[in-house]
Amino acid sequence: MNTDGYKQALLDRRDELTGRLERISDDLTGLRSAQTEEQALESENDEVLESLGAAGETELRAIAAALARIKAGTYGRCVSCDEDIAPERLETLPATPFCQDCAPG
């Protein structure tokens, strides 16, 4: 299997997520308002940003694992049943470690 295209897609997504997480971190550590009403809104915004940050970190871990599978020569094989993962699935979810049958939920 030629993994060059998948590897580039994973690297591009990793770079995009890294930039997004840096902006989220900057927003979370930025100056806060002294007004109570604005503080409440900022607190709600912080919760959303923290949730987005956690999702981004999870995706970064999945990307790192996929890149490790590429390096190991096992990319494109399901980690559960060892069957090939359909190319259409990898196009949609390049970091997935599972075939359609073994995918959770």
N, C-alpha and C. Protein backbone atom coordinates (compact mmCIF):
# COMPACT_ATOMS: atom_id res chain seq x y z
N MET A 1 0.84 -1.18 0.00
CA MET A 1 0.00 0.00 0.00
C MET A 1 0.89 1.24 0.00
N ASN A 2 0.58 2.17 -0.89
CA ASN A 2 1.29 3.44 -0.92
C ASN A 2 0.65 4.37 0.10
N THR A 3 1.40 4.74 1.10
CA THR A 3 0.86 5.55 2.21
C THR A 3 1.23 7.03 2.11
N ASP A 4 1.91 7.43 1.05
CA ASP A 4 2.38 8.81 0.96
C ASP A 4 1.25 9.84 1.08
N GLY A 5 0.16 9.61 0.35
CA GLY A 5 -0.97 10.55 0.41
C GLY A 5 -1.61 10.60 1.79
N TYR A 6 -1.75 9.44 2.41
CA TYR A 6 -2.32 9.40 3.76
C TYR A 6 -1.40 10.09 4.76
N LYS A 7 -0.10 9.83 4.61
CA LYS A 7 0.87 10.46 5.51
C LYS A 7 0.81 11.97 5.39
N GLN A 8 0.73 12.48 4.16
CA GLN A 8 0.67 13.93 3.98
C GLN A 8 -0.62 14.51 4.56
N ALA A 9 -1.73 13.81 4.37
CA ALA A 9 -3.00 14.27 4.94
C ALA A 9 -2.93 14.31 6.46
N LEU A 10 -2.31 13.30 7.05
CA LEU A 10 -2.16 13.26 8.51
C LEU A 10 -1.25 14.39 9.00
N LEU A 11 -0.16 14.63 8.29
CA LEU A 11 0.76 15.70 8.68
C LEU A 11 0.10 17.07 8.55
N ASP A 12 -0.66 17.27 7.48
CA ASP A 12 -1.37 18.53 7.30
C ASP A 12 -2.38 18.75 8.41
N ARG A 13 -3.13 17.70 8.75
CA ARG A 13 -4.12 17.82 9.82
C ARG A 13 -3.45 18.08 11.16
N ARG A 14 -2.31 17.41 11.39
CA ARG A 14 -1.56 17.63 12.63
C ARG A 14 -1.14 19.10 12.74
N ASP A 15 -0.64 19.66 11.64
CA ASP A 15 -0.22 21.06 11.65
C ASP A 15 -1.40 21.99 11.91
N GLU A 16 -2.53 21.69 11.27
CA GLU A 16 -3.73 22.50 11.46
C GLU A 16 -4.18 22.46 12.92
N LEU A 17 -4.23 21.27 13.49
CA LEU A 17 -4.65 21.12 14.90
C LEU A 17 -3.68 21.79 15.85
N THR A 18 -2.40 21.66 15.59
CA THR A 18 -1.39 22.29 16.46
C THR A 18 -1.58 23.80 16.48
N GLY A 19 -1.81 24.40 15.32
CA GLY A 19 -2.07 25.84 15.26
C GLY A 19 -3.33 26.22 15.99
N ARG A 20 -4.38 25.41 15.81
CA ARG A 20 -5.65 25.69 16.49
C ARG A 20 -5.49 25.59 18.00
N LEU A 21 -4.77 24.57 18.47
CA LEU A 21 -4.58 24.40 19.91
C LEU A 21 -3.75 25.54 20.50
N GLU A 22 -2.80 26.05 19.73
CA GLU A 22 -2.02 27.20 20.21
C GLU A 22 -2.92 28.42 20.36
N ARG A 23 -3.83 28.64 19.39
CA ARG A 23 -4.75 29.77 19.49
C ARG A 23 -5.71 29.60 20.67
N ILE A 24 -6.17 28.37 20.90
CA ILE A 24 -7.05 28.12 22.04
C ILE A 24 -6.31 28.41 23.34
N SER A 25 -5.07 27.95 23.43
CA SER A 25 -4.28 28.20 24.63
C SER A 25 -4.09 29.70 24.85
N ASP A 26 -3.80 30.43 23.78
CA ASP A 26 -3.65 31.88 23.89
C ASP A 26 -4.94 32.53 24.37
N ASP A 27 -6.07 32.08 23.81
CA ASP A 27 -7.36 32.64 24.23
C ASP A 27 -7.64 32.36 25.70
N LEU A 28 -7.30 31.15 26.15
CA LEU A 28 -7.58 30.78 27.54
C LEU A 28 -6.68 31.52 28.53
N THR A 29 -5.51 31.92 28.10
CA THR A 29 -4.59 32.62 29.01
C THR A 29 -4.62 34.13 28.81
N GLY A 30 -5.50 34.62 27.94
CA GLY A 30 -5.59 36.05 27.66
C GLY A 30 -6.18 36.83 28.82
N LEU A 31 -6.19 38.14 28.65
CA LEU A 31 -6.73 39.04 29.67
C LEU A 31 -8.22 38.80 29.87
N ARG A 32 -8.68 38.96 31.09
CA ARG A 32 -10.08 38.77 31.45
C ARG A 32 -10.71 40.10 31.84
N SER A 33 -11.99 40.20 31.60
CA SER A 33 -12.75 41.40 31.90
C SER A 33 -12.95 41.53 33.41
N ALA A 34 -13.08 42.77 33.85
CA ALA A 34 -13.36 43.03 35.26
C ALA A 34 -14.86 43.08 35.52
N GLN A 35 -15.67 43.13 34.45
CA GLN A 35 -17.11 43.23 34.61
C GLN A 35 -17.73 41.83 34.77
N THR A 36 -18.64 41.72 35.73
CA THR A 36 -19.24 40.44 36.08
C THR A 36 -19.95 39.79 34.90
N GLU A 37 -20.74 40.56 34.15
CA GLU A 37 -21.48 39.99 33.02
C GLU A 37 -20.53 39.43 31.97
N GLU A 38 -19.48 40.16 31.69
CA GLU A 38 -18.51 39.70 30.70
C GLU A 38 -17.72 38.50 31.23
N GLN A 39 -17.49 38.46 32.53
CA GLN A 39 -16.79 37.32 33.12
C GLN A 39 -17.60 36.03 32.93
N ALA A 40 -18.92 36.13 33.09
CA ALA A 40 -19.77 34.95 32.92
C ALA A 40 -19.71 34.45 31.48
N LEU A 41 -19.74 35.36 30.52
CA LEU A 41 -19.66 34.99 29.11
C LEU A 41 -18.28 34.41 28.81
N GLU A 42 -17.24 35.00 29.35
CA GLU A 42 -15.89 34.48 29.14
C GLU A 42 -15.74 33.08 29.72
N SER A 43 -16.38 32.84 30.87
CA SER A 43 -16.33 31.53 31.49
C SER A 43 -16.99 30.48 30.59
N GLU A 44 -18.13 30.82 30.02
CA GLU A 44 -18.80 29.91 29.09
C GLU A 44 -17.93 29.65 27.87
N ASN A 45 -17.34 30.71 27.34
CA ASN A 45 -16.45 30.57 26.18
C ASN A 45 -15.25 29.68 26.52
N ASP A 46 -14.72 29.84 27.72
CA ASP A 46 -13.57 29.02 28.14
C ASP A 46 -13.94 27.54 28.16
N GLU A 47 -15.15 27.23 28.63
CA GLU A 47 -15.59 25.83 28.67
C GLU A 47 -15.64 25.24 27.26
N VAL A 48 -16.13 26.02 26.31
CA VAL A 48 -16.19 25.57 24.92
C VAL A 48 -14.77 25.37 24.38
N LEU A 49 -13.91 26.35 24.64
CA LEU A 49 -12.53 26.25 24.16
C LEU A 49 -11.81 25.05 24.78
N GLU A 50 -12.03 24.80 26.07
CA GLU A 50 -11.41 23.65 26.72
C GLU A 50 -11.89 22.34 26.11
N SER A 51 -13.18 22.28 25.79
CA SER A 51 -13.73 21.09 25.15
C SER A 51 -13.11 20.89 23.76
N LEU A 52 -13.01 21.95 22.99
CA LEU A 52 -12.38 21.87 21.67
C LEU A 52 -10.91 21.48 21.80
N GLY A 53 -10.25 22.02 22.81
CA GLY A 53 -8.86 21.67 23.03
C GLY A 53 -8.68 20.20 23.37
N ALA A 54 -9.56 19.66 24.20
CA ALA A 54 -9.47 18.25 24.57
C ALA A 54 -9.72 17.36 23.35
N ALA A 55 -10.69 17.73 22.52
CA ALA A 55 -10.97 16.96 21.30
C ALA A 55 -9.77 17.03 20.35
N GLY A 56 -9.15 18.20 20.27
CA GLY A 56 -7.97 18.35 19.42
C GLY A 56 -6.81 17.51 19.91
N GLU A 57 -6.61 17.45 21.21
CA GLU A 57 -5.53 16.63 21.78
C GLU A 57 -5.78 15.15 21.49
N THR A 58 -7.03 14.73 21.60
CA THR A 58 -7.38 13.33 21.31
C THR A 58 -7.08 13.01 19.84
N GLU A 59 -7.45 13.92 18.97
CA GLU A 59 -7.19 13.70 17.54
C GLU A 59 -5.69 13.69 17.25
N LEU A 60 -4.93 14.55 17.92
CA LEU A 60 -3.47 14.55 17.73
C LEU A 60 -2.85 13.22 18.15
N ARG A 61 -3.35 12.63 19.22
CA ARG A 61 -2.85 11.31 19.63
C ARG A 61 -3.18 10.24 18.59
N ALA A 62 -4.37 10.32 18.01
CA ALA A 62 -4.76 9.37 16.96
C ALA A 62 -3.88 9.54 15.72
N ILE A 63 -3.56 10.77 15.39
CA ILE A 63 -2.69 11.04 14.25
C ILE A 63 -1.29 10.51 14.51
N ALA A 64 -0.77 10.73 15.71
CA ALA A 64 0.56 10.22 16.06
C ALA A 64 0.60 8.70 15.96
N ALA A 65 -0.47 8.05 16.41
CA ALA A 65 -0.54 6.59 16.33
C ALA A 65 -0.59 6.13 14.88
N ALA A 66 -1.34 6.84 14.04
CA ALA A 66 -1.42 6.48 12.62
C ALA A 66 -0.07 6.66 11.94
N LEU A 67 0.63 7.74 12.26
CA LEU A 67 1.97 7.96 11.69
C LEU A 67 2.94 6.87 12.15
N ALA A 68 2.78 6.42 13.38
CA ALA A 68 3.62 5.32 13.88
C ALA A 68 3.30 4.02 13.12
N ARG A 69 2.02 3.80 12.81
CA ARG A 69 1.66 2.61 12.03
C ARG A 69 2.23 2.69 10.62
N ILE A 70 2.26 3.89 10.04
CA ILE A 70 2.87 4.05 8.72
C ILE A 70 4.34 3.67 8.80
N LYS A 71 5.02 4.20 9.80
CA LYS A 71 6.45 3.92 9.97
C LYS A 71 6.70 2.43 10.18
N ALA A 72 5.80 1.78 10.91
CA ALA A 72 5.95 0.35 11.21
C ALA A 72 5.51 -0.54 10.05
N GLY A 73 4.86 0.05 9.06
CA GLY A 73 4.39 -0.74 7.93
C GLY A 73 3.07 -1.44 8.16
N THR A 74 2.33 -1.03 9.19
CA THR A 74 1.06 -1.68 9.50
C THR A 74 -0.15 -0.79 9.21
N TYR A 75 0.10 0.39 8.67
CA TYR A 75 -1.00 1.32 8.38
C TYR A 75 -1.92 0.69 7.34
N GLY A 76 -3.22 0.86 7.54
CA GLY A 76 -4.19 0.32 6.61
C GLY A 76 -4.68 -1.06 7.00
N ARG A 77 -4.15 -1.60 8.08
CA ARG A 77 -4.60 -2.89 8.63
C ARG A 77 -5.32 -2.60 9.94
N CYS A 78 -6.44 -3.23 10.15
CA CYS A 78 -7.21 -3.05 11.37
C CYS A 78 -6.41 -3.59 12.55
N VAL A 79 -6.33 -2.79 13.61
CA VAL A 79 -5.59 -3.21 14.80
C VAL A 79 -6.33 -4.28 15.59
N SER A 80 -7.61 -4.46 15.28
CA SER A 80 -8.40 -5.46 15.99
C SER A 80 -8.40 -6.81 15.28
N CYS A 81 -8.73 -6.81 13.99
CA CYS A 81 -8.88 -8.09 13.27
C CYS A 81 -7.78 -8.34 12.24
N ASP A 82 -6.92 -7.37 12.01
CA ASP A 82 -5.80 -7.43 11.07
C ASP A 82 -6.23 -7.53 9.61
N GLU A 83 -7.49 -7.22 9.31
CA GLU A 83 -7.96 -7.16 7.92
C GLU A 83 -7.64 -5.77 7.37
N ASP A 84 -7.62 -5.66 6.04
CA ASP A 84 -7.41 -4.37 5.40
C ASP A 84 -8.56 -3.42 5.73
N ILE A 85 -8.21 -2.17 5.95
CA ILE A 85 -9.21 -1.11 6.12
C ILE A 85 -9.52 -0.60 4.72
N ALA A 86 -10.79 -0.46 4.39
CA ALA A 86 -11.20 -0.01 3.06
C ALA A 86 -10.58 1.35 2.75
N PRO A 87 -10.03 1.51 1.54
CA PRO A 87 -9.45 2.80 1.16
C PRO A 87 -10.42 3.97 1.32
N GLU A 88 -11.70 3.74 1.07
CA GLU A 88 -12.70 4.80 1.24
C GLU A 88 -12.77 5.25 2.70
N ARG A 89 -12.64 4.31 3.61
CA ARG A 89 -12.66 4.65 5.04
C ARG A 89 -11.42 5.45 5.40
N LEU A 90 -10.27 5.04 4.87
CA LEU A 90 -9.02 5.76 5.16
C LEU A 90 -9.04 7.16 4.55
N GLU A 91 -9.69 7.31 3.42
CA GLU A 91 -9.81 8.65 2.81
C GLU A 91 -10.60 9.57 3.72
N THR A 92 -11.65 9.04 4.32
CA THR A 92 -12.51 9.83 5.20
C THR A 92 -11.90 10.01 6.58
N LEU A 93 -11.32 8.94 7.12
CA LEU A 93 -10.75 8.94 8.47
C LEU A 93 -9.32 8.41 8.42
N PRO A 94 -8.37 9.21 7.95
CA PRO A 94 -7.02 8.68 7.76
C PRO A 94 -6.34 8.20 9.04
N ALA A 95 -6.79 8.64 10.20
CA ALA A 95 -6.15 8.22 11.45
C ALA A 95 -6.81 6.99 12.06
N THR A 96 -7.86 6.47 11.43
CA THR A 96 -8.59 5.35 12.05
C THR A 96 -7.72 4.10 12.12
N PRO A 97 -7.76 3.42 13.26
CA PRO A 97 -7.03 2.15 13.38
C PRO A 97 -7.94 0.94 13.12
N PHE A 98 -9.23 1.19 12.83
CA PHE A 98 -10.20 0.11 12.74
C PHE A 98 -10.88 0.04 11.38
N CYS A 99 -11.17 -1.19 10.95
CA CYS A 99 -12.03 -1.38 9.78
C CYS A 99 -13.46 -1.05 10.20
N GLN A 100 -14.35 -1.00 9.23
CA GLN A 100 -15.74 -0.66 9.52
C GLN A 100 -16.37 -1.64 10.50
N ASP A 101 -16.07 -2.93 10.35
CA ASP A 101 -16.69 -3.94 11.21
C ASP A 101 -16.22 -3.84 12.66
N CYS A 102 -14.98 -3.42 12.88
CA CYS A 102 -14.44 -3.37 14.24
C CYS A 102 -14.55 -2.00 14.90
N ALA A 103 -14.97 -1.00 14.15
CA ALA A 103 -15.04 0.37 14.68
C ALA A 103 -16.03 0.42 15.86
N PRO A 104 -15.61 1.05 16.96
CA PRO A 104 -16.51 1.16 18.11
C PRO A 104 -17.69 2.09 17.79
N GLY A 105 -18.82 1.78 18.41
CA GLY A 105 -20.02 2.61 18.34
C GLY A 105 -20.48 2.85 16.98
